[in-house]
């Protein structure tokens, strides 16, 4: 990009120099005098000078064409850079949006995980409580079984005493 700008500036300077030389040449040709190296004895412009002037004009035209081409290329580069800048900006915004969305999802998942952790703790406490109650029920059941067995023995003893 910088190279194109430098080339453009160089072409503009060279074109200006050639234009200035052409103007000087025209001035000399418009008012030739006998001491002028550009005039013949009959005060007409030298054919060599006319050829040189045509060559300069041709070079100027070529340089103008090249300058226009470089301007066009520079304009395309500017457009490409603007497009790249816009695409980069859009990509950055998309990434920011994606990060924000993921942060929100992460916060939601962390909250959900904390809630599930609390539920697990409650379930563990309920399980311990139920195990304790189950143990108490087993003890009561064993106690009642023993009492039942004793009562059956006593009942058999009473029945056998009643029969006798």
N, C-alpha and C. Protein backbone atom coordinates (compact mmCIF):
# COMPACT_ATOMS: atom_id res chain seq x y z
N UNK A 1 0.84 -1.19 0.00
CA UNK A 1 0.00 0.00 0.00
C UNK A 1 0.87 1.24 0.00
N UNK A 2 1.87 1.28 0.91
CA UNK A 2 2.77 2.43 0.99
C UNK A 2 3.56 2.56 -0.30
N UNK A 3 3.93 1.40 -0.87
CA UNK A 3 4.70 1.41 -2.11
C UNK A 3 3.87 2.06 -3.22
N UNK A 4 2.59 1.73 -3.29
CA UNK A 4 1.73 2.33 -4.32
C UNK A 4 1.63 3.84 -4.13
N UNK A 5 1.50 4.27 -2.90
CA UNK A 5 1.41 5.71 -2.63
C UNK A 5 2.70 6.40 -3.04
N UNK A 6 3.84 5.78 -2.73
CA UNK A 6 5.14 6.36 -3.09
C UNK A 6 5.29 6.42 -4.61
N UNK A 7 4.90 5.33 -5.29
CA UNK A 7 4.99 5.31 -6.75
C UNK A 7 4.10 6.39 -7.36
N UNK A 8 2.92 6.55 -6.79
CA UNK A 8 2.00 7.57 -7.28
C UNK A 8 2.61 8.95 -7.13
N UNK A 9 3.17 9.23 -5.96
CA UNK A 9 3.78 10.54 -5.72
C UNK A 9 4.95 10.77 -6.67
N UNK A 10 5.74 9.72 -6.87
CA UNK A 10 6.88 9.83 -7.77
C UNK A 10 6.41 10.13 -9.20
N UNK A 11 5.36 9.44 -9.63
CA UNK A 11 4.81 9.67 -10.98
C UNK A 11 4.27 11.10 -11.11
N UNK A 12 3.61 11.57 -10.07
CA UNK A 12 3.08 12.93 -10.12
C UNK A 12 4.21 13.96 -10.22
N UNK A 13 5.28 13.75 -9.47
CA UNK A 13 6.43 14.68 -9.55
C UNK A 13 7.05 14.64 -10.95
N UNK A 14 7.24 13.44 -11.47
CA UNK A 14 7.85 13.30 -12.78
C UNK A 14 6.95 13.93 -13.85
N UNK A 15 5.65 13.70 -13.73
CA UNK A 15 4.70 14.29 -14.68
C UNK A 15 4.76 15.81 -14.62
N UNK A 16 4.84 16.34 -13.43
CA UNK A 16 4.92 17.80 -13.26
C UNK A 16 6.21 18.34 -13.89
N UNK A 17 7.31 17.62 -13.69
CA UNK A 17 8.59 18.06 -14.29
C UNK A 17 8.49 18.07 -15.81
N UNK A 18 7.92 17.00 -16.36
CA UNK A 18 7.79 16.94 -17.82
C UNK A 18 6.86 18.05 -18.33
N UNK A 19 5.80 18.31 -17.58
CA UNK A 19 4.89 19.39 -17.97
C UNK A 19 5.60 20.73 -17.97
N UNK A 20 6.39 20.97 -16.96
CA UNK A 20 7.15 22.22 -16.88
C UNK A 20 8.13 22.34 -18.04
N UNK A 21 8.78 21.23 -18.36
CA UNK A 21 9.72 21.26 -19.48
C UNK A 21 8.98 21.53 -20.80
N UNK A 22 7.79 20.92 -20.93
CA UNK A 22 7.00 21.16 -22.14
C UNK A 22 6.59 22.63 -22.25
N UNK A 23 6.18 23.21 -21.13
CA UNK A 23 5.80 24.63 -21.13
C UNK A 23 6.97 25.50 -21.54
N UNK A 24 8.13 25.19 -21.00
CA UNK A 24 9.33 25.96 -21.37
C UNK A 24 9.61 25.81 -22.85
N UNK A 25 9.48 24.60 -23.34
CA UNK A 25 9.73 24.33 -24.75
C UNK A 25 8.73 25.10 -25.62
N UNK A 26 7.46 25.13 -25.22
CA UNK A 26 6.46 25.88 -25.97
C UNK A 26 6.79 27.37 -25.98
N UNK A 27 7.19 27.86 -24.84
CA UNK A 27 7.54 29.29 -24.76
C UNK A 27 8.71 29.61 -25.68
N UNK A 28 9.68 28.73 -25.70
CA UNK A 28 10.83 28.96 -26.57
C UNK A 28 10.42 28.88 -28.04
N UNK A 29 9.52 27.94 -28.35
CA UNK A 29 9.09 27.78 -29.73
C UNK A 29 8.17 28.91 -30.18
N UNK A 30 7.42 29.50 -29.27
CA UNK A 30 6.52 30.59 -29.63
C UNK A 30 7.28 31.89 -29.92
N UNK A 31 8.34 32.11 -29.21
CA UNK A 31 9.11 33.33 -29.45
C UNK A 31 10.57 32.98 -29.72
N UNK A 32 10.80 32.30 -30.81
CA UNK A 32 12.20 31.94 -31.09
C UNK A 32 12.99 33.16 -31.54
N UNK A 33 14.23 33.12 -31.24
CA UNK A 33 15.12 34.18 -31.75
C UNK A 33 16.34 33.50 -32.36
N UNK A 34 17.18 34.30 -32.93
CA UNK A 34 18.30 33.71 -33.67
C UNK A 34 19.32 33.06 -32.76
N UNK A 35 19.32 33.44 -31.47
CA UNK A 35 20.29 32.84 -30.55
C UNK A 35 19.75 31.57 -29.91
N UNK A 36 18.47 31.27 -30.13
CA UNK A 36 17.86 30.11 -29.49
C UNK A 36 18.39 28.84 -30.12
N UNK A 37 18.77 27.88 -29.30
CA UNK A 37 19.24 26.61 -29.86
C UNK A 37 18.09 25.81 -30.45
N UNK A 38 16.82 26.24 -30.14
CA UNK A 38 15.68 25.50 -30.64
C UNK A 38 15.16 26.05 -31.96
N UNK A 39 15.74 27.07 -32.48
CA UNK A 39 15.24 27.70 -33.71
C UNK A 39 16.24 27.50 -34.83
N UNK A 40 15.68 27.29 -36.02
CA UNK A 40 16.53 27.25 -37.21
C UNK A 40 16.82 28.68 -37.62
N UNK A 41 17.56 28.81 -38.70
CA UNK A 41 17.90 30.16 -39.18
C UNK A 41 16.67 30.92 -39.64
N UNK A 42 15.65 30.18 -40.08
CA UNK A 42 14.43 30.86 -40.53
C UNK A 42 13.41 30.99 -39.39
N UNK A 43 13.87 30.86 -38.16
CA UNK A 43 13.07 31.01 -36.94
C UNK A 43 11.92 30.02 -36.83
N UNK A 44 12.04 28.88 -37.44
CA UNK A 44 11.06 27.81 -37.27
C UNK A 44 11.59 26.79 -36.26
N UNK A 45 10.69 26.14 -35.53
CA UNK A 45 11.15 25.16 -34.54
C UNK A 45 11.92 24.04 -35.20
N UNK A 46 12.88 23.56 -34.49
CA UNK A 46 13.71 22.46 -34.92
C UNK A 46 12.86 21.18 -34.96
N UNK A 47 13.00 20.33 -35.96
CA UNK A 47 12.23 19.08 -36.02
C UNK A 47 12.64 18.13 -34.91
N UNK A 48 13.88 18.19 -34.52
CA UNK A 48 14.35 17.36 -33.40
C UNK A 48 13.60 17.73 -32.13
N UNK A 49 13.42 19.05 -31.94
CA UNK A 49 12.69 19.51 -30.76
C UNK A 49 11.23 19.09 -30.81
N UNK A 50 10.65 19.10 -32.01
CA UNK A 50 9.27 18.65 -32.14
C UNK A 50 9.15 17.17 -31.79
N UNK A 51 10.12 16.38 -32.23
CA UNK A 51 10.12 14.96 -31.89
C UNK A 51 10.28 14.77 -30.38
N UNK A 52 11.17 15.57 -29.79
CA UNK A 52 11.37 15.49 -28.35
C UNK A 52 10.09 15.86 -27.62
N UNK A 53 9.43 16.88 -28.11
CA UNK A 53 8.17 17.31 -27.50
C UNK A 53 7.12 16.22 -27.62
N UNK A 54 7.05 15.57 -28.77
CA UNK A 54 6.10 14.48 -28.95
C UNK A 54 6.42 13.31 -28.02
N UNK A 55 7.71 13.04 -27.88
CA UNK A 55 8.14 11.97 -26.98
C UNK A 55 7.73 12.30 -25.55
N UNK A 56 7.92 13.56 -25.17
CA UNK A 56 7.54 13.98 -23.81
C UNK A 56 6.03 13.86 -23.61
N UNK A 57 5.30 14.30 -24.63
CA UNK A 57 3.84 14.19 -24.53
C UNK A 57 3.42 12.73 -24.40
N UNK A 58 4.08 11.88 -25.18
CA UNK A 58 3.78 10.46 -25.12
C UNK A 58 4.12 9.90 -23.73
N UNK A 59 5.27 10.31 -23.19
CA UNK A 59 5.66 9.86 -21.85
C UNK A 59 4.67 10.37 -20.81
N UNK A 60 4.26 11.62 -20.98
CA UNK A 60 3.29 12.19 -20.03
C UNK A 60 1.98 11.40 -20.09
N UNK A 61 1.52 11.10 -21.31
CA UNK A 61 0.29 10.32 -21.45
C UNK A 61 0.43 8.94 -20.82
N UNK A 62 1.59 8.30 -21.07
CA UNK A 62 1.83 6.98 -20.47
C UNK A 62 1.84 7.08 -18.95
N UNK A 63 2.50 8.13 -18.45
CA UNK A 63 2.56 8.31 -17.00
C UNK A 63 1.18 8.60 -16.41
N UNK A 64 0.39 9.37 -17.14
CA UNK A 64 -0.98 9.64 -16.67
C UNK A 64 -1.79 8.35 -16.63
N UNK A 65 -1.63 7.53 -17.68
CA UNK A 65 -2.34 6.24 -17.70
C UNK A 65 -1.89 5.36 -16.53
N UNK A 66 -0.58 5.34 -16.33
CA UNK A 66 -0.04 4.53 -15.23
C UNK A 66 -0.53 5.09 -13.89
N UNK A 67 -0.56 6.40 -13.78
CA UNK A 67 -1.05 7.05 -12.56
C UNK A 67 -2.51 6.68 -12.32
N UNK A 68 -3.32 6.73 -13.39
CA UNK A 68 -4.74 6.37 -13.27
C UNK A 68 -4.87 4.92 -12.84
N UNK A 69 -4.04 4.06 -13.43
CA UNK A 69 -4.07 2.64 -13.06
C UNK A 69 -3.70 2.45 -11.59
N UNK A 70 -2.66 3.17 -11.16
CA UNK A 70 -2.25 3.07 -9.75
C UNK A 70 -3.33 3.63 -8.83
N UNK A 71 -3.98 4.71 -9.26
CA UNK A 71 -5.08 5.27 -8.47
C UNK A 71 -6.20 4.25 -8.32
N UNK A 72 -6.50 3.57 -9.42
CA UNK A 72 -7.55 2.56 -9.41
C UNK A 72 -7.16 1.42 -8.46
N UNK A 73 -5.91 0.98 -8.57
CA UNK A 73 -5.42 -0.09 -7.70
C UNK A 73 -5.46 0.34 -6.23
N UNK A 74 -5.06 1.57 -5.98
CA UNK A 74 -5.09 2.12 -4.63
C UNK A 74 -6.52 2.17 -4.10
N UNK A 75 -7.44 2.57 -4.96
CA UNK A 75 -8.85 2.62 -4.57
C UNK A 75 -9.37 1.21 -4.24
N UNK A 76 -8.98 0.23 -5.06
CA UNK A 76 -9.39 -1.15 -4.79
C UNK A 76 -8.82 -1.63 -3.46
N UNK A 77 -7.55 -1.29 -3.21
CA UNK A 77 -6.92 -1.68 -1.94
C UNK A 77 -7.64 -1.04 -0.77
N UNK A 78 -8.02 0.23 -0.92
CA UNK A 78 -8.78 0.90 0.15
C UNK A 78 -10.11 0.19 0.37
N UNK A 79 -10.77 -0.17 -0.72
CA UNK A 79 -12.05 -0.88 -0.60
C UNK A 79 -11.87 -2.22 0.09
N UNK A 80 -10.81 -2.95 -0.32
CA UNK A 80 -10.53 -4.25 0.31
C UNK A 80 -10.25 -4.08 1.80
N UNK A 81 -9.46 -3.06 2.13
CA UNK A 81 -9.15 -2.81 3.54
C UNK A 81 -10.41 -2.45 4.33
N UNK A 82 -11.26 -1.62 3.74
CA UNK A 82 -12.51 -1.27 4.41
C UNK A 82 -13.37 -2.52 4.62
N UNK A 83 -13.42 -3.37 3.59
CA UNK A 83 -14.20 -4.62 3.69
C UNK A 83 -13.62 -5.51 4.78
N UNK A 84 -12.28 -5.64 4.80
CA UNK A 84 -11.63 -6.46 5.82
C UNK A 84 -11.88 -5.89 7.22
N UNK A 85 -11.84 -4.57 7.32
CA UNK A 85 -12.09 -3.91 8.61
C UNK A 85 -13.51 -4.22 9.07
N UNK A 86 -14.46 -4.10 8.15
CA UNK A 86 -15.86 -4.37 8.49
C UNK A 86 -16.04 -5.83 8.89
N UNK A 87 -15.44 -6.76 8.11
CA UNK A 87 -15.56 -8.19 8.42
C UNK A 87 -14.93 -8.51 9.77
N UNK A 88 -13.77 -7.90 10.05
CA UNK A 88 -13.10 -8.11 11.33
C UNK A 88 -13.96 -7.59 12.47
N UNK A 89 -14.52 -6.42 12.27
CA UNK A 89 -15.40 -5.84 13.29
C UNK A 89 -16.60 -6.74 13.55
N UNK A 90 -17.18 -7.24 12.48
CA UNK A 90 -18.33 -8.14 12.60
C UNK A 90 -17.93 -9.43 13.32
N UNK A 91 -16.78 -9.99 12.95
CA UNK A 91 -16.30 -11.22 13.60
C UNK A 91 -16.05 -10.98 15.08
N UNK A 92 -15.46 -9.83 15.41
CA UNK A 92 -15.21 -9.50 16.82
C UNK A 92 -16.53 -9.40 17.58
N UNK A 93 -17.51 -8.75 16.99
CA UNK A 93 -18.82 -8.62 17.65
C UNK A 93 -19.46 -9.98 17.84
N UNK A 94 -19.36 -10.83 16.81
CA UNK A 94 -19.91 -12.19 16.93
C UNK A 94 -19.22 -12.95 18.05
N UNK A 95 -17.90 -12.82 18.15
CA UNK A 95 -17.17 -13.49 19.23
C UNK A 95 -17.60 -12.95 20.59
N UNK A 96 -17.74 -11.63 20.69
CA UNK A 96 -18.19 -11.04 21.97
C UNK A 96 -19.57 -11.58 22.34
N UNK A 97 -20.46 -11.65 21.35
CA UNK A 97 -21.80 -12.18 21.61
C UNK A 97 -21.75 -13.64 22.05
N UNK A 98 -20.91 -14.42 21.38
CA UNK A 98 -20.77 -15.83 21.72
C UNK A 98 -20.21 -15.99 23.13
N UNK A 99 -19.21 -15.19 23.48
CA UNK A 99 -18.63 -15.25 24.83
C UNK A 99 -19.69 -14.87 25.86
N UNK A 100 -20.45 -13.84 25.58
CA UNK A 100 -21.51 -13.41 26.49
C UNK A 100 -22.55 -14.51 26.67
N UNK A 101 -22.94 -15.14 25.57
CA UNK A 101 -23.90 -16.22 25.63
C UNK A 101 -23.36 -17.39 26.45
N UNK A 102 -22.10 -17.73 26.22
CA UNK A 102 -21.50 -18.84 26.98
C UNK A 102 -21.36 -18.49 28.46
N UNK A 103 -21.04 -17.23 28.75
CA UNK A 103 -20.98 -16.80 30.15
C UNK A 103 -22.34 -16.97 30.82
N UNK A 104 -23.39 -16.56 30.10
CA UNK A 104 -24.74 -16.70 30.64
C UNK A 104 -25.08 -18.17 30.87
N UNK A 105 -24.75 -19.02 29.89
CA UNK A 105 -25.01 -20.46 30.04
C UNK A 105 -24.22 -21.02 31.22
N UNK A 106 -22.97 -20.58 31.35
CA UNK A 106 -22.13 -21.06 32.45
C UNK A 106 -22.74 -20.66 33.80
N UNK A 107 -23.18 -19.41 33.91
CA UNK A 107 -23.82 -18.95 35.15
C UNK A 107 -25.06 -19.79 35.44
N UNK A 108 -25.85 -20.06 34.40
CA UNK A 108 -27.05 -20.88 34.58
C UNK A 108 -26.68 -22.29 35.05
N UNK A 109 -25.68 -22.88 34.40
CA UNK A 109 -25.26 -24.23 34.77
C UNK A 109 -24.69 -24.27 36.19
N UNK A 110 -23.92 -23.24 36.56
CA UNK A 110 -23.38 -23.18 37.92
C UNK A 110 -24.52 -23.09 38.94
N UNK A 111 -25.52 -22.27 38.64
CA UNK A 111 -26.68 -22.13 39.52
C UNK A 111 -27.42 -23.46 39.62
N UNK A 112 -27.61 -24.10 38.47
CA UNK A 112 -28.29 -25.40 38.42
C UNK A 112 -27.49 -26.44 39.21
N UNK A 113 -26.18 -26.41 39.07
CA UNK A 113 -25.31 -27.35 39.78
C UNK A 113 -25.40 -27.12 41.29
N UNK A 114 -25.41 -25.87 41.70
CA UNK A 114 -25.56 -25.56 43.13
C UNK A 114 -26.90 -26.08 43.65
N UNK A 115 -27.95 -25.88 42.87
CA UNK A 115 -29.28 -26.35 43.26
C UNK A 115 -29.27 -27.87 43.39
N UNK A 116 -28.67 -28.55 42.42
CA UNK A 116 -28.60 -30.01 42.47
C UNK A 116 -27.76 -30.46 43.66
N UNK A 117 -26.70 -29.71 43.97
CA UNK A 117 -25.87 -30.03 45.14
C UNK A 117 -26.69 -29.94 46.41
N UNK A 118 -27.52 -28.90 46.52
CA UNK A 118 -28.40 -28.76 47.69
C UNK A 118 -29.39 -29.92 47.75
N UNK A 119 -29.95 -30.28 46.60
CA UNK A 119 -30.90 -31.40 46.56
C UNK A 119 -30.22 -32.69 46.99
N UNK A 120 -28.99 -32.92 46.56
CA UNK A 120 -28.25 -34.13 46.94
C UNK A 120 -28.04 -34.14 48.45
N UNK A 121 -27.66 -32.98 49.00
CA UNK A 121 -27.46 -32.89 50.46
C UNK A 121 -28.76 -33.22 51.20
N UNK A 122 -29.87 -32.65 50.72
CA UNK A 122 -31.17 -32.93 51.35
C UNK A 122 -31.51 -34.41 51.25
N UNK A 123 -31.25 -35.01 50.08
CA UNK A 123 -31.53 -36.44 49.90
C UNK A 123 -30.66 -37.29 50.82
N UNK A 124 -29.39 -36.90 50.99
CA UNK A 124 -28.51 -37.64 51.90
C UNK A 124 -29.03 -37.55 53.34
N UNK A 125 -29.46 -36.34 53.73
CA UNK A 125 -30.01 -36.16 55.08
C UNK A 125 -31.28 -36.99 55.25
N UNK A 126 -32.15 -36.98 54.23
CA UNK A 126 -33.37 -37.79 54.28
C UNK A 126 -33.03 -39.27 54.38
N UNK A 127 -32.02 -39.70 53.62
CA UNK A 127 -31.60 -41.10 53.64
C UNK A 127 -31.10 -41.48 55.03
N UNK A 128 -30.26 -40.62 55.62
CA UNK A 128 -29.76 -40.90 56.98
C UNK A 128 -30.92 -40.98 57.97
N UNK A 129 -31.85 -40.04 57.84
CA UNK A 129 -33.01 -40.03 58.74
C UNK A 129 -33.83 -41.31 58.58
N UNK A 130 -34.03 -41.72 57.33
CA UNK A 130 -34.81 -42.94 57.08
C UNK A 130 -34.07 -44.18 57.57
N UNK A 131 -32.74 -44.19 57.38
CA UNK A 131 -31.95 -45.32 57.89
C UNK A 131 -32.07 -45.40 59.41
N UNK A 132 -32.03 -44.22 60.06
CA UNK A 132 -32.17 -44.18 61.53
C UNK A 132 -33.55 -44.70 61.93
N UNK A 133 -34.59 -44.24 61.24
CA UNK A 133 -35.94 -44.70 61.54
C UNK A 133 -36.08 -46.19 61.27
N UNK A 134 -35.43 -46.66 60.18
CA UNK A 134 -35.47 -48.08 59.85
C UNK A 134 -34.80 -48.89 60.95
N UNK A 135 -33.64 -48.40 61.41
CA UNK A 135 -32.96 -49.09 62.51
C UNK A 135 -33.84 -49.12 63.75
N UNK A 136 -34.49 -48.00 64.06
CA UNK A 136 -35.40 -47.95 65.21
C UNK A 136 -36.56 -48.92 65.03
N UNK A 137 -37.09 -48.97 63.79
CA UNK A 137 -38.20 -49.89 63.51
C UNK A 137 -37.74 -51.33 63.66
N UNK A 138 -36.51 -51.65 63.22
CA UNK A 138 -35.98 -53.01 63.35
C UNK A 138 -35.86 -53.38 64.84
N UNK A 139 -35.34 -52.42 65.61
CA UNK A 139 -35.19 -52.67 67.05
C UNK A 139 -36.57 -52.92 67.67
N UNK A 140 -37.57 -52.10 67.32
CA UNK A 140 -38.93 -52.29 67.84
C UNK A 140 -39.49 -53.63 67.40
N UNK A 141 -39.23 -53.96 66.12
CA UNK A 141 -39.73 -55.23 65.57
C UNK A 141 -39.11 -56.40 66.33
N UNK A 142 -37.78 -56.33 66.53
CA UNK A 142 -37.09 -57.39 67.28
C UNK A 142 -37.65 -57.48 68.70
N UNK A 143 -37.84 -56.31 69.29
CA UNK A 143 -38.36 -56.25 70.65
C UNK A 143 -39.77 -56.84 70.71
N UNK A 144 -40.60 -56.48 69.74
CA UNK A 144 -41.96 -57.01 69.69
C UNK A 144 -41.96 -58.51 69.40
N UNK A 145 -41.04 -58.95 68.56
CA UNK A 145 -40.94 -60.39 68.26
C UNK A 145 -40.60 -61.16 69.53
N UNK A 146 -39.65 -60.62 70.27
CA UNK A 146 -39.26 -61.28 71.53
C UNK A 146 -40.44 -61.27 72.51
N UNK A 147 -41.12 -60.13 72.60
CA UNK A 147 -42.28 -60.02 73.49
C UNK A 147 -43.36 -61.00 73.06
N UNK A 148 -43.59 -61.08 71.75
CA UNK A 148 -44.58 -61.99 71.20
C UNK A 148 -44.21 -63.43 71.54
N UNK A 149 -42.94 -63.76 71.39
CA UNK A 149 -42.48 -65.12 71.70
C UNK A 149 -42.71 -65.42 73.18
N UNK A 150 -42.39 -64.49 74.05
CA UNK A 150 -42.60 -64.68 75.49
C UNK A 150 -44.09 -64.85 75.82
N UNK A 151 -44.89 -64.01 75.14
CA UNK A 151 -46.33 -64.10 75.39
C UNK A 151 -46.89 -65.43 74.91
N UNK A 152 -46.42 -65.93 73.80
CA UNK A 152 -46.87 -67.23 73.30
C UNK A 152 -46.48 -68.33 74.27
N UNK A 153 -45.26 -68.20 74.80
CA UNK A 153 -44.81 -69.21 75.79
C UNK A 153 -45.71 -69.13 77.02
N UNK A 154 -45.97 -67.93 77.46
CA UNK A 154 -46.84 -67.77 78.64
C UNK A 154 -48.25 -68.29 78.34
N UNK A 155 -48.72 -67.98 77.13
CA UNK A 155 -50.05 -68.45 76.74
C UNK A 155 -50.11 -69.97 76.74
N UNK A 156 -49.11 -70.62 76.24
CA UNK A 156 -49.06 -72.08 76.22
C UNK A 156 -49.01 -72.61 77.67
N UNK A 157 -48.24 -71.88 78.48
CA UNK A 157 -48.15 -72.30 79.88
C UNK A 157 -49.53 -72.17 80.56
N UNK A 158 -50.24 -71.07 80.30
CA UNK A 158 -51.57 -70.91 80.89
C UNK A 158 -52.53 -71.96 80.36
N UNK A 159 -52.45 -72.24 79.09
CA UNK A 159 -53.33 -73.24 78.49
C UNK A 159 -53.05 -74.62 79.09
N UNK A 160 -51.77 -74.91 79.23
CA UNK A 160 -51.44 -76.22 79.80
C UNK A 160 -51.83 -76.27 81.28
N UNK A 161 -51.77 -75.18 81.99
CA UNK A 161 -52.20 -75.15 83.39
C UNK A 161 -53.72 -75.25 83.46
N UNK A 162 -54.40 -74.62 82.54
CA UNK A 162 -55.86 -74.67 82.52
C UNK A 162 -56.34 -76.07 82.17
N UNK A 163 -55.69 -76.76 81.41
CA UNK A 163 -56.08 -78.10 81.01
C UNK A 163 -55.80 -79.06 82.17
N UNK A 164 -54.92 -78.77 82.97
CA UNK A 164 -54.60 -79.68 84.06
C UNK A 164 -55.40 -79.35 85.24
